[in-house]
PDB file of all heavy atoms in Angstrom:
ATOM      1  N   TYR A   1       5.960  28.810  -3.069  1.00  0.00           N
ATOM      2  CA  TYR A   1       6.322  27.722  -2.141  1.00  0.00           C
ATOM      3  C   TYR A   1       6.906  26.578  -2.942  1.00  0.00           C
ATOM      4  O   TYR A   1       6.325  26.131  -3.949  1.00  0.00           O
ATOM      5  CB  TYR A   1       5.131  27.215  -1.331  1.00  0.00           C
ATOM      6  CG  TYR A   1       5.592  26.307  -0.237  1.00  0.00           C
ATOM      7  CD1 TYR A   1       6.045  26.790   0.956  1.00  0.00           C
ATOM      8  CD2 TYR A   1       5.667  24.912  -0.466  1.00  0.00           C
ATOM      9  CE1 TYR A   1       6.529  25.929   1.960  1.00  0.00           C
ATOM     10  CE2 TYR A   1       6.134  24.063   0.531  1.00  0.00           C
ATOM     11  CZ  TYR A   1       6.574  24.570   1.712  1.00  0.00           C
ATOM     12  OH  TYR A   1       7.095  23.703   2.687  1.00  0.00           O
ATOM     13  N   VAL A   2       8.069  26.105  -2.476  1.00  0.00           N
ATOM     14  CA  VAL A   2       8.795  25.035  -3.192  1.00  0.00           C
ATOM     15  C   VAL A   2       8.687  23.739  -2.416  1.00  0.00           C
ATOM     16  O   VAL A   2       9.124  23.647  -1.262  1.00  0.00           O
ATOM     17  CB  VAL A   2      10.259  25.445  -3.397  1.00  0.00           C
ATOM     18  CG1 VAL A   2      10.997  24.391  -4.184  1.00  0.00           C
ATOM     19  CG2 VAL A   2      10.351  26.795  -4.097  1.00  0.00           C
ATOM     20  N   ASP A   3       8.104  22.744  -3.062  1.00  0.00           N
ATOM     21  CA  ASP A   3       8.011  21.390  -2.476  1.00  0.00           C
ATOM     22  C   ASP A   3       9.097  20.487  -3.083  1.00  0.00           C
ATOM     23  O   ASP A   3       9.767  20.836  -4.045  1.00  0.00           O
ATOM     24  CB  ASP A   3       6.660  20.756  -2.849  1.00  0.00           C
ATOM     25  CG  ASP A   3       5.522  21.268  -1.946  1.00  0.00           C
ATOM     26  OD1 ASP A   3       5.617  21.124  -0.727  1.00  0.00           O
ATOM     27  OD2 ASP A   3       4.537  21.802  -2.490  1.00  0.00           O
ATOM     28  N   ARG A   4       9.230  19.328  -2.444  1.00  0.00           N
ATOM     29  CA  ARG A   4      10.119  18.334  -3.079  1.00  0.00           C
ATOM     30  C   ARG A   4       9.481  17.813  -4.350  1.00  0.00           C
ATOM     31  O   ARG A   4       8.295  18.044  -4.635  1.00  0.00           O
ATOM     32  CB  ARG A   4      10.350  17.173  -2.071  1.00  0.00           C
ATOM     33  CG  ARG A   4       9.109  16.456  -1.589  1.00  0.00           C
ATOM     34  CD  ARG A   4       9.495  15.510  -0.452  1.00  0.00           C
ATOM     35  NE  ARG A   4       8.350  14.882   0.158  1.00  0.00           N
ATOM     36  CZ  ARG A   4       8.017  13.599   0.016  1.00  0.00           C
ATOM     37  NH1 ARG A   4       8.791  12.806  -0.712  1.00  0.00           N
ATOM     38  NH2 ARG A   4       6.957  13.101   0.615  1.00  0.00           N
ATOM     39  N   LYS A   5      10.282  17.110  -5.115  1.00  0.00           N
ATOM     40  CA  LYS A   5       9.887  16.777  -6.477  1.00  0.00           C
ATOM     41  C   LYS A   5       8.689  15.872  -6.549  1.00  0.00           C
ATOM     42  O   LYS A   5       7.914  15.858  -7.494  1.00  0.00           O
ATOM     43  CB  LYS A   5      11.064  16.165  -7.241  1.00  0.00           C
ATOM     44  CG  LYS A   5      12.171  17.149  -7.502  1.00  0.00           C
ATOM     45  CD  LYS A   5      13.276  16.554  -8.374  1.00  0.00           C
ATOM     46  CE  LYS A   5      14.354  17.625  -8.652  1.00  0.00           C
ATOM     47  NZ  LYS A   5      15.448  17.101  -9.557  1.00  0.00           N
ATOM     48  N   ARG A   6       8.445  15.065  -5.499  1.00  0.00           N
ATOM     49  CA  ARG A   6       7.302  14.178  -5.553  1.00  0.00           C
ATOM     50  C   ARG A   6       5.963  14.897  -5.532  1.00  0.00           C
ATOM     51  O   ARG A   6       4.929  14.294  -5.884  1.00  0.00           O
ATOM     52  CB  ARG A   6       7.370  13.193  -4.385  1.00  0.00           C
ATOM     53  CG  ARG A   6       6.386  11.989  -4.512  1.00  0.00           C
ATOM     54  CD  ARG A   6       6.826  10.785  -3.782  1.00  0.00           C
ATOM     55  NE  ARG A   6       8.005  10.162  -4.333  1.00  0.00           N
ATOM     56  CZ  ARG A   6       8.434   8.956  -3.993  1.00  0.00           C
ATOM     57  NH1 ARG A   6       7.817   8.229  -3.091  1.00  0.00           N
ATOM     58  NH2 ARG A   6       9.526   8.448  -4.517  1.00  0.00           N
ATOM     59  N   ALA A   7       5.962  16.151  -5.181  1.00  0.00           N
ATOM     60  CA  ALA A   7       4.708  16.942  -5.321  1.00  0.00           C
ATOM     61  C   ALA A   7       4.278  17.056  -6.759  1.00  0.00           C
ATOM     62  O   ALA A   7       3.098  17.179  -7.056  1.00  0.00           O
ATOM     63  CB  ALA A   7       4.920  18.326  -4.738  1.00  0.00           C
ATOM     64  N   ASN A   8       5.229  16.998  -7.684  1.00  0.00           N
ATOM     65  CA  ASN A   8       4.965  17.145  -9.112  1.00  0.00           C
ATOM     66  C   ASN A   8       4.972  15.880  -9.859  1.00  0.00           C
ATOM     67  O   ASN A   8       4.399  15.781 -10.965  1.00  0.00           O
ATOM     68  CB  ASN A   8       6.046  18.077  -9.709  1.00  0.00           C
ATOM     69  CG  ASN A   8       5.449  19.042 -10.759  1.00  0.00           C
ATOM     70  OD1 ASN A   8       4.308  19.435 -10.668  1.00  0.00           O
ATOM     71  ND2 ASN A   8       6.233  19.389 -11.768  1.00  0.00           N
ATOM     72  N   PHE A   9       5.625  14.829  -9.300  1.00  0.00           N
ATOM     73  CA  PHE A   9       5.718  13.544 -10.014  1.00  0.00           C
ATOM     74  C   PHE A   9       5.582  12.416  -8.987  1.00  0.00           C
ATOM     75  O   PHE A   9       6.471  12.190  -8.153  1.00  0.00           O
ATOM     76  CB  PHE A   9       7.051  13.458 -10.733  1.00  0.00           C
ATOM     77  CG  PHE A   9       7.308  12.100 -11.373  1.00  0.00           C
ATOM     78  CD1 PHE A   9       6.435  11.639 -12.368  1.00  0.00           C
ATOM     79  CD2 PHE A   9       8.367  11.315 -10.989  1.00  0.00           C
ATOM     80  CE1 PHE A   9       6.644  10.390 -12.932  1.00  0.00           C
ATOM     81  CE2 PHE A   9       8.581  10.071 -11.571  1.00  0.00           C
ATOM     82  CZ  PHE A   9       7.720   9.625 -12.560  1.00  0.00           C
ATOM     83  N   SER A  10       4.472  11.755  -9.057  1.00  0.00           N
ATOM     84  CA  SER A  10       4.195  10.622  -8.178  1.00  0.00           C
ATOM     85  C   SER A  10       3.253   9.620  -8.868  1.00  0.00           C
ATOM     86  O   SER A  10       2.457   9.996  -9.696  1.00  0.00           O
ATOM     87  CB  SER A  10       3.578  11.102  -6.852  1.00  0.00           C
ATOM     88  OG  SER A  10       2.376  11.817  -7.081  1.00  0.00           O
ATOM     89  N   THR A  11       3.405   8.371  -8.449  1.00  0.00           N
ATOM     90  CA  THR A  11       2.647   7.288  -9.059  1.00  0.00           C
ATOM     91  C   THR A  11       2.057   6.467  -7.943  1.00  0.00           C
ATOM     92  O   THR A  11       2.774   5.673  -7.314  1.00  0.00           O
ATOM     93  CB  THR A  11       3.531   6.443  -9.989  1.00  0.00           C
ATOM     94  OG1 THR A  11       4.335   7.331 -10.851  1.00  0.00           O
ATOM     95  CG2 THR A  11       2.720   5.511 -10.873  1.00  0.00           C
ATOM     96  N   TRP A  12       0.791   6.658  -7.681  1.00  0.00           N
ATOM     97  CA  TRP A  12       0.123   6.107  -6.491  1.00  0.00           C
ATOM     98  C   TRP A  12      -0.534   4.762  -6.765  1.00  0.00           C
ATOM     99  O   TRP A  12      -1.112   4.517  -7.872  1.00  0.00           O
ATOM    100  CB  TRP A  12      -0.984   7.040  -6.010  1.00  0.00           C
ATOM    101  CG  TRP A  12      -0.542   8.384  -5.515  1.00  0.00           C
ATOM    102  CD1 TRP A  12       0.278   9.267  -6.140  1.00  0.00           C
ATOM    103  CD2 TRP A  12      -0.894   8.984  -4.278  1.00  0.00           C
ATOM    104  NE1 TRP A  12       0.452  10.421  -5.387  1.00  0.00           N
ATOM    105  CE2 TRP A  12      -0.285  10.256  -4.217  1.00  0.00           C
ATOM    106  CE3 TRP A  12      -1.735   8.590  -3.242  1.00  0.00           C
ATOM    107  CZ2 TRP A  12      -0.435  11.103  -3.167  1.00  0.00           C
ATOM    108  CZ3 TRP A  12      -1.894   9.456  -2.134  1.00  0.00           C
ATOM    109  CH2 TRP A  12      -1.252  10.711  -2.129  1.00  0.00           C
ATOM    110  N   TYR A  13      -0.453   3.869  -5.773  1.00  0.00           N
ATOM    111  CA  TYR A  13      -1.201   2.610  -5.788  1.00  0.00           C
ATOM    112  C   TYR A  13      -2.000   2.509  -4.500  1.00  0.00           C
ATOM    113  O   TYR A  13      -1.402   2.514  -3.402  1.00  0.00           O
ATOM    114  CB  TYR A  13      -0.210   1.425  -5.916  1.00  0.00           C
ATOM    115  CG  TYR A  13      -0.950   0.131  -6.139  1.00  0.00           C
ATOM    116  CD1 TYR A  13      -1.294  -0.309  -7.412  1.00  0.00           C
ATOM    117  CD2 TYR A  13      -1.288  -0.730  -5.073  1.00  0.00           C
ATOM    118  CE1 TYR A  13      -1.952  -1.514  -7.649  1.00  0.00           C
ATOM    119  CE2 TYR A  13      -1.946  -1.910  -5.263  1.00  0.00           C
ATOM    120  CZ  TYR A  13      -2.265  -2.298  -6.551  1.00  0.00           C
ATOM    121  OH  TYR A  13      -2.958  -3.510  -6.754  1.00  0.00           O
ATOM    122  N   GLU A  14      -3.306   2.448  -4.616  1.00  0.00           N
ATOM    123  CA  GLU A  14      -4.153   2.333  -3.455  1.00  0.00           C
ATOM    124  C   GLU A  14      -4.725   0.934  -3.282  1.00  0.00           C
ATOM    125  O   GLU A  14      -5.176   0.317  -4.281  1.00  0.00           O
ATOM    126  CB  GLU A  14      -5.358   3.288  -3.614  1.00  0.00           C
ATOM    127  CG  GLU A  14      -6.397   3.201  -2.458  1.00  0.00           C
ATOM    128  CD  GLU A  14      -7.580   4.117  -2.651  1.00  0.00           C
ATOM    129  OE1 GLU A  14      -7.678   4.790  -3.717  1.00  0.00           O
ATOM    130  OE2 GLU A  14      -8.416   4.136  -1.751  1.00  0.00           O
ATOM    131  N   PHE A  15      -4.622   0.437  -2.085  1.00  0.00           N
ATOM    132  CA  PHE A  15      -5.339  -0.827  -1.802  1.00  0.00           C
ATOM    133  C   PHE A  15      -5.704  -0.886  -0.332  1.00  0.00           C
ATOM    134  O   PHE A  15      -5.201  -0.092   0.488  1.00  0.00           O
ATOM    135  CB  PHE A  15      -4.480  -2.053  -2.199  1.00  0.00           C
ATOM    136  CG  PHE A  15      -3.302  -2.372  -1.269  1.00  0.00           C
ATOM    137  CD1 PHE A  15      -3.399  -3.323  -0.264  1.00  0.00           C
ATOM    138  CD2 PHE A  15      -2.101  -1.768  -1.432  1.00  0.00           C
ATOM    139  CE1 PHE A  15      -2.394  -3.601   0.577  1.00  0.00           C
ATOM    140  CE2 PHE A  15      -1.010  -2.051  -0.644  1.00  0.00           C
ATOM    141  CZ  PHE A  15      -1.158  -2.998   0.369  1.00  0.00           C
ATOM    142  N   PHE A  16      -6.654  -1.762   0.004  1.00  0.00           N
ATOM    143  CA  PHE A  16      -7.174  -1.919   1.380  1.00  0.00           C
ATOM    144  C   PHE A  16      -6.331  -2.923   2.147  1.00  0.00           C
ATOM    145  O   PHE A  16      -6.278  -4.080   1.782  1.00  0.00           O
ATOM    146  CB  PHE A  16      -8.612  -2.378   1.334  1.00  0.00           C
ATOM    147  CG  PHE A  16      -9.626  -1.327   0.945  1.00  0.00           C
ATOM    148  CD1 PHE A  16      -9.754  -0.899  -0.384  1.00  0.00           C
ATOM    149  CD2 PHE A  16     -10.438  -0.757   1.885  1.00  0.00           C
ATOM    150  CE1 PHE A  16     -10.661   0.071  -0.730  1.00  0.00           C
ATOM    151  CE2 PHE A  16     -11.343   0.227   1.570  1.00  0.00           C
ATOM    152  CZ  PHE A  16     -11.482   0.646   0.233  1.00  0.00           C
ATOM    153  N   PRO A  17      -5.666  -2.477   3.183  1.00  0.00           N
ATOM    154  CA  PRO A  17      -4.836  -3.422   3.951  1.00  0.00           C
ATOM    155  C   PRO A  17      -5.600  -4.636   4.490  1.00  0.00           C
ATOM    156  O   PRO A  17      -5.031  -5.718   4.574  1.00  0.00           O
ATOM    157  CB  PRO A  17      -4.325  -2.560   5.138  1.00  0.00           C
ATOM    158  CG  PRO A  17      -4.331  -1.150   4.589  1.00  0.00           C
ATOM    159  CD  PRO A  17      -5.537  -1.110   3.701  1.00  0.00           C
ATOM    160  N   ARG A  18      -6.833  -4.444   4.822  1.00  0.00           N
ATOM    161  CA  ARG A  18      -7.611  -5.569   5.363  1.00  0.00           C
ATOM    162  C   ARG A  18      -7.884  -6.634   4.326  1.00  0.00           C
ATOM    163  O   ARG A  18      -8.318  -7.768   4.665  1.00  0.00           O
ATOM    164  CB  ARG A  18      -8.913  -5.071   5.952  1.00  0.00           C
ATOM    165  CG  ARG A  18      -9.949  -4.501   4.997  1.00  0.00           C
ATOM    166  CD  ARG A  18     -11.102  -3.900   5.756  1.00  0.00           C
ATOM    167  NE  ARG A  18     -12.187  -3.464   4.857  1.00  0.00           N
ATOM    168  CZ  ARG A  18     -13.282  -2.854   5.275  1.00  0.00           C
ATOM    169  NH1 ARG A  18     -13.405  -2.542   6.552  1.00  0.00           N
ATOM    170  NH2 ARG A  18     -14.198  -2.480   4.446  1.00  0.00           N
ATOM    171  N   SER A  19      -7.675  -6.336   3.043  1.00  0.00           N
ATOM    172  CA  SER A  19      -7.833  -7.328   2.001  1.00  0.00           C
ATOM    173  C   SER A  19      -6.522  -7.945   1.515  1.00  0.00           C
ATOM    174  O   SER A  19      -6.463  -8.514   0.449  1.00  0.00           O
ATOM    175  CB  SER A  19      -8.577  -6.668   0.747  1.00  0.00           C
ATOM    176  OG  SER A  19      -9.859  -6.292   1.093  1.00  0.00           O
ATOM    177  N   ALA A  20      -5.454  -7.764   2.326  1.00  0.00           N
ATOM    178  CA  ALA A  20      -4.140  -8.201   1.915  1.00  0.00           C
ATOM    179  C   ALA A  20      -3.796  -9.636   2.338  1.00  0.00           C
ATOM    180  O   ALA A  20      -2.712 -10.149   2.013  1.00  0.00           O
ATOM    181  CB  ALA A  20      -3.077  -7.234   2.490  1.00  0.00           C
ATOM    182  N   ALA A  21      -4.650 -10.257   3.097  1.00  0.00           N
ATOM    183  CA  ALA A  21      -4.361 -11.596   3.578  1.00  0.00           C
ATOM    184  C   ALA A  21      -4.232 -12.609   2.450  1.00  0.00           C
ATOM    185  O   ALA A  21      -4.988 -12.570   1.489  1.00  0.00           O
ATOM    186  CB  ALA A  21      -5.432 -12.074   4.574  1.00  0.00           C
ATOM    187  N   PRO A  22      -3.305 -13.555   2.568  1.00  0.00           N
ATOM    188  CA  PRO A  22      -3.139 -14.544   1.477  1.00  0.00           C
ATOM    189  C   PRO A  22      -4.241 -15.589   1.475  1.00  0.00           C
ATOM    190  O   PRO A  22      -4.463 -16.188   0.466  1.00  0.00           O
ATOM    191  CB  PRO A  22      -1.783 -15.192   1.798  1.00  0.00           C
ATOM    192  CG  PRO A  22      -1.552 -14.946   3.239  1.00  0.00           C
ATOM    193  CD  PRO A  22      -2.247 -13.679   3.597  1.00  0.00           C
ATOM    194  N   GLU A  23      -4.916 -15.777   2.641  1.00  0.00           N
ATOM    195  CA  GLU A  23      -5.958 -16.835   2.691  1.00  0.00           C
ATOM    196  C   GLU A  23      -7.336 -16.177   2.703  1.00  0.00           C
ATOM    197  O   GLU A  23      -7.538 -15.135   3.324  1.00  0.00           O
ATOM    198  CB  GLU A  23      -5.809 -17.636   3.997  1.00  0.00           C
ATOM    199  CG  GLU A  23      -4.457 -18.317   4.127  1.00  0.00           C
ATOM    200  CD  GLU A  23      -3.484 -17.470   4.882  1.00  0.00           C
ATOM    201  OE1 GLU A  23      -3.903 -16.392   5.349  1.00  0.00           O
ATOM    202  OE2 GLU A  23      -2.287 -17.835   4.991  1.00  0.00           O
ATOM    203  N   PRO A  24      -8.273 -16.785   2.007  1.00  0.00           N
ATOM    204  CA  PRO A  24      -9.685 -16.211   2.039  1.00  0.00           C
ATOM    205  C   PRO A  24     -10.256 -16.280   3.443  1.00  0.00           C
ATOM    206  O   PRO A  24      -9.883 -17.165   4.278  1.00  0.00           O
ATOM    207  CB  PRO A  24     -10.414 -17.168   1.086  1.00  0.00           C
ATOM    208  CG  PRO A  24      -9.404 -17.832   0.269  1.00  0.00           C
ATOM    209  CD  PRO A  24      -8.163 -17.912   1.135  1.00  0.00           C
ATOM    210  N   GLY A  25     -11.091 -15.289   3.736  1.00  0.00           N
ATOM    211  CA  GLY A  25     -11.780 -15.297   5.011  1.00  0.00           C
ATOM    212  C   GLY A  25     -10.982 -14.714   6.172  1.00  0.00           C
ATOM    213  O   GLY A  25     -11.477 -14.706   7.305  1.00  0.00           O
ATOM    214  N   LYS A  26      -9.774 -14.236   5.928  1.00  0.00           N
ATOM    215  CA  LYS A  26      -8.965 -13.719   7.006  1.00  0.00           C
ATOM    216  C   LYS A  26      -8.814 -12.180   6.800  1.00  0.00           C
ATOM    217  O   LYS A  26      -8.820 -11.650   5.692  1.00  0.00           O
ATOM    218  CB  LYS A  26      -7.566 -14.332   7.016  1.00  0.00           C
ATOM    219  CG  LYS A  26      -7.565 -15.755   7.552  1.00  0.00           C
ATOM    220  CD  LYS A  26      -6.162 -16.233   7.845  1.00  0.00           C
ATOM    221  CE  LYS A  26      -6.187 -17.589   8.545  1.00  0.00           C
ATOM    222  NZ  LYS A  26      -4.798 -18.032   8.874  1.00  0.00           N
ATOM    223  N   HIS A  27      -8.680 -11.485   7.896  1.00  0.00           N
ATOM    224  CA  HIS A  27      -8.425 -10.054   7.919  1.00  0.00           C
ATOM    225  C   HIS A  27      -6.919  -9.794   7.670  1.00  0.00           C
ATOM    226  O   HIS A  27      -6.083 -10.341   8.306  1.00  0.00           O
ATOM    227  CB  HIS A  27      -8.867  -9.460   9.281  1.00  0.00           C
ATOM    228  CG  HIS A  27      -8.982  -7.966   9.283  1.00  0.00           C
ATOM    229  ND1 HIS A  27      -7.885  -7.125   9.173  1.00  0.00           N
ATOM    230  CD2 HIS A  27     -10.082  -7.168   9.374  1.00  0.00           C
ATOM    231  CE1 HIS A  27      -8.287  -5.854   9.225  1.00  0.00           C
ATOM    232  NE2 HIS A  27      -9.631  -5.849   9.367  1.00  0.00           N
ATOM    233  N   GLY A  28      -6.640  -8.973   6.676  1.00  0.00           N
ATOM    234  CA  GLY A  28      -5.262  -8.631   6.377  1.00  0.00           C
ATOM    235  C   GLY A  28      -4.587  -7.838   7.467  1.00  0.00           C
ATOM    236  O   GLY A  28      -5.238  -7.181   8.307  1.00  0.00           O
ATOM    237  N   THR A  29      -3.262  -7.877   7.484  1.00  0.00           N
ATOM    238  CA  THR A  29      -2.507  -7.192   8.483  1.00  0.00           C
ATOM    239  C   THR A  29      -1.426  -6.323   7.843  1.00  0.00           C
ATOM    240  O   THR A  29      -1.140  -6.427   6.611  1.00  0.00           O
ATOM    241  CB  THR A  29      -1.795  -8.150   9.428  1.00  0.00           C
ATOM    242  OG1 THR A  29      -0.834  -8.931   8.656  1.00  0.00           O
ATOM    243  CG2 THR A  29      -2.805  -9.119  10.040  1.00  0.00           C
ATOM    244  N   PHE A  30      -0.767  -5.494   8.634  1.00  0.00           N
ATOM    245  CA  PHE A  30       0.368  -4.710   8.077  1.00  0.00           C
ATOM    246  C   PHE A  30       1.462  -5.605   7.588  1.00  0.00           C
ATOM    247  O   PHE A  30       2.180  -5.285   6.598  1.00  0.00           O
ATOM    248  CB  PHE A  30       0.886  -3.755   9.154  1.00  0.00           C
ATOM    249  CG  PHE A  30      -0.052  -2.638   9.502  1.00  0.00           C
ATOM    250  CD1 PHE A  30      -0.328  -2.326  10.855  1.00  0.00           C
ATOM    251  CD2 PHE A  30      -0.698  -1.903   8.535  1.00  0.00           C
ATOM    252  CE1 PHE A  30      -1.196  -1.305  11.196  1.00  0.00           C
ATOM    253  CE2 PHE A  30      -1.576  -0.894   8.838  1.00  0.00           C
ATOM    254  CZ  PHE A  30      -1.841  -0.586  10.202  1.00  0.00           C
ATOM    255  N   LYS A  31       1.667  -6.753   8.255  1.00  0.00           N
ATOM    256  CA  LYS A  31       2.694  -7.694   7.807  1.00  0.00           C
ATOM    257  C   LYS A  31       2.314  -8.294   6.439  1.00  0.00           C
ATOM    258  O   LYS A  31       3.156  -8.535   5.570  1.00  0.00           O
ATOM    259  CB  LYS A  31       2.842  -8.806   8.809  1.00  0.00           C
ATOM    260  CG  LYS A  31       3.523  -8.312  10.111  1.00  0.00           C
ATOM    261  CD  LYS A  31       3.715  -9.435  11.121  1.00  0.00           C
ATOM    262  CE  LYS A  31       4.404  -8.910  12.413  1.00  0.00           C
ATOM    263  NZ  LYS A  31       4.604  -9.960  13.409  1.00  0.00           N
ATOM    264  N   ASP A  32       0.984  -8.511   6.209  1.00  0.00           N
ATOM    265  CA  ASP A  32       0.529  -8.972   4.865  1.00  0.00           C
ATOM    266  C   ASP A  32       0.796  -7.874   3.844  1.00  0.00           C
ATOM    267  O   ASP A  32       1.182  -8.188   2.723  1.00  0.00           O
ATOM    268  CB  ASP A  32      -0.977  -9.279   4.937  1.00  0.00           C
ATOM    269  CG  ASP A  32      -1.270 -10.522   5.742  1.00  0.00           C
ATOM    270  OD1 ASP A  32      -0.435 -11.424   5.792  1.00  0.00           O
ATOM    271  OD2 ASP A  32      -2.347 -10.540   6.365  1.00  0.00           O
ATOM    272  N   CYS A  33       0.589  -6.593   4.214  1.00  0.00           N
ATOM    273  CA  CYS A  33       0.828  -5.540   3.294  1.00  0.00           C
ATOM    274  C   CYS A  33       2.331  -5.470   2.950  1.00  0.00           C
ATOM    275  O   CYS A  33       2.725  -5.201   1.788  1.00  0.00           O
ATOM    276  CB  CYS A  33       0.464  -4.206   3.893  1.00  0.00           C
ATOM    277  SG  CYS A  33      -1.346  -3.997   4.167  1.00  0.00           S
ATOM    278  N   GLU A  34       3.176  -5.699   3.927  1.00  0.00           N
ATOM    279  CA  GLU A  34       4.634  -5.698   3.703  1.00  0.00           C
ATOM    280  C   GLU A  34       5.026  -6.740   2.655  1.00  0.00           C
ATOM    281  O   GLU A  34       5.899  -6.515   1.824  1.00  0.00           O
ATOM    282  CB  GLU A  34       5.326  -5.967   4.990  1.00  0.00           C
ATOM    283  CG  GLU A  34       6.801  -5.653   5.011  1.00  0.00           C
ATOM    284  CD  GLU A  34       7.412  -5.703   6.404  1.00  0.00           C
ATOM    285  OE1 GLU A  34       6.722  -5.418   7.385  1.00  0.00           O
ATOM    286  OE2 GLU A  34       8.633  -6.052   6.463  1.00  0.00           O
ATOM    287  N   ARG A  35       4.304  -7.887   2.680  1.00  0.00           N
ATOM    288  CA  ARG A  35       4.589  -8.918   1.701  1.00  0.00           C
ATOM    289  C   ARG A  35       4.216  -8.483   0.272  1.00  0.00           C
ATOM    290  O   ARG A  35       4.836  -8.977  -0.693  1.00  0.00           O
ATOM    291  CB  ARG A  35       3.767 -10.159   2.087  1.00  0.00           C
ATOM    292  CG  ARG A  35       3.853 -11.338   1.112  1.00  0.00           C
ATOM    293  CD  ARG A  35       2.956 -12.500   1.631  1.00  0.00           C
ATOM    294  NE  ARG A  35       1.594 -12.071   1.924  1.00  0.00           N
ATOM    295  CZ  ARG A  35       0.650 -12.008   0.993  1.00  0.00           C
ATOM    296  NH1 ARG A  35       0.909 -12.306  -0.287  1.00  0.00           N
ATOM    297  NH2 ARG A  35      -0.576 -11.652   1.314  1.00  0.00           N
ATOM    298  N   LEU A  36       3.303  -7.536   0.104  1.00  0.00           N
ATOM    299  CA  LEU A  36       2.877  -7.082  -1.206  1.00  0.00           C
ATOM    300  C   LEU A  36       3.737  -5.958  -1.794  1.00  0.00           C
ATOM    301  O   LEU A  36       3.591  -5.654  -2.952  1.00  0.00           O
ATOM    302  CB  LEU A  36       1.405  -6.631  -1.143  1.00  0.00           C
ATOM    303  CG  LEU A  36       0.372  -7.691  -0.688  1.00  0.00           C
ATOM    304  CD1 LEU A  36      -0.989  -7.056  -0.600  1.00  0.00           C
ATOM    305  CD2 LEU A  36       0.357  -8.880  -1.640  1.00  0.00           C
ATOM    306  N   LEU A  37       4.531  -5.382  -0.955  1.00  0.00           N
ATOM    307  CA  LEU A  37       5.303  -4.194  -1.412  1.00  0.00           C
ATOM    308  C   LEU A  37       6.182  -4.478  -2.628  1.00  0.00           C
ATOM    309  O   LEU A  37       6.272  -3.655  -3.569  1.00  0.00           O
ATOM    310  CB  LEU A  37       6.141  -3.633  -0.279  1.00  0.00           C
ATOM    311  CG  LEU A  37       5.357  -3.033   0.924  1.00  0.00           C
ATOM    312  CD1 LEU A  37       6.276  -2.557   1.996  1.00  0.00           C
ATOM    313  CD2 LEU A  37       4.464  -1.898   0.439  1.00  0.00           C
ATOM    314  N   PRO A  38       6.922  -5.636  -2.682  1.00  0.00           N
ATOM    315  CA  PRO A  38       7.754  -5.875  -3.880  1.00  0.00           C
ATOM    316  C   PRO A  38       6.910  -5.906  -5.147  1.00  0.00           C
ATOM    317  O   PRO A  38       7.409  -5.459  -6.213  1.00  0.00           O
ATOM    318  CB  PRO A  38       8.404  -7.238  -3.564  1.00  0.00           C
ATOM    319  CG  PRO A  38       8.439  -7.333  -2.065  1.00  0.00           C
ATOM    320  CD  PRO A  38       7.151  -6.630  -1.601  1.00  0.00           C
TER     321      PRO A  38
END
């Protein structure tokens, strides 16, 4: 079975979206995650 190349070469970064908020005490959002992508 032949997969695309990322099956053999990938570099993962895991984080919790709910901890992505810029301010303490707030629940992170997908929009906050988007800000962290760069």
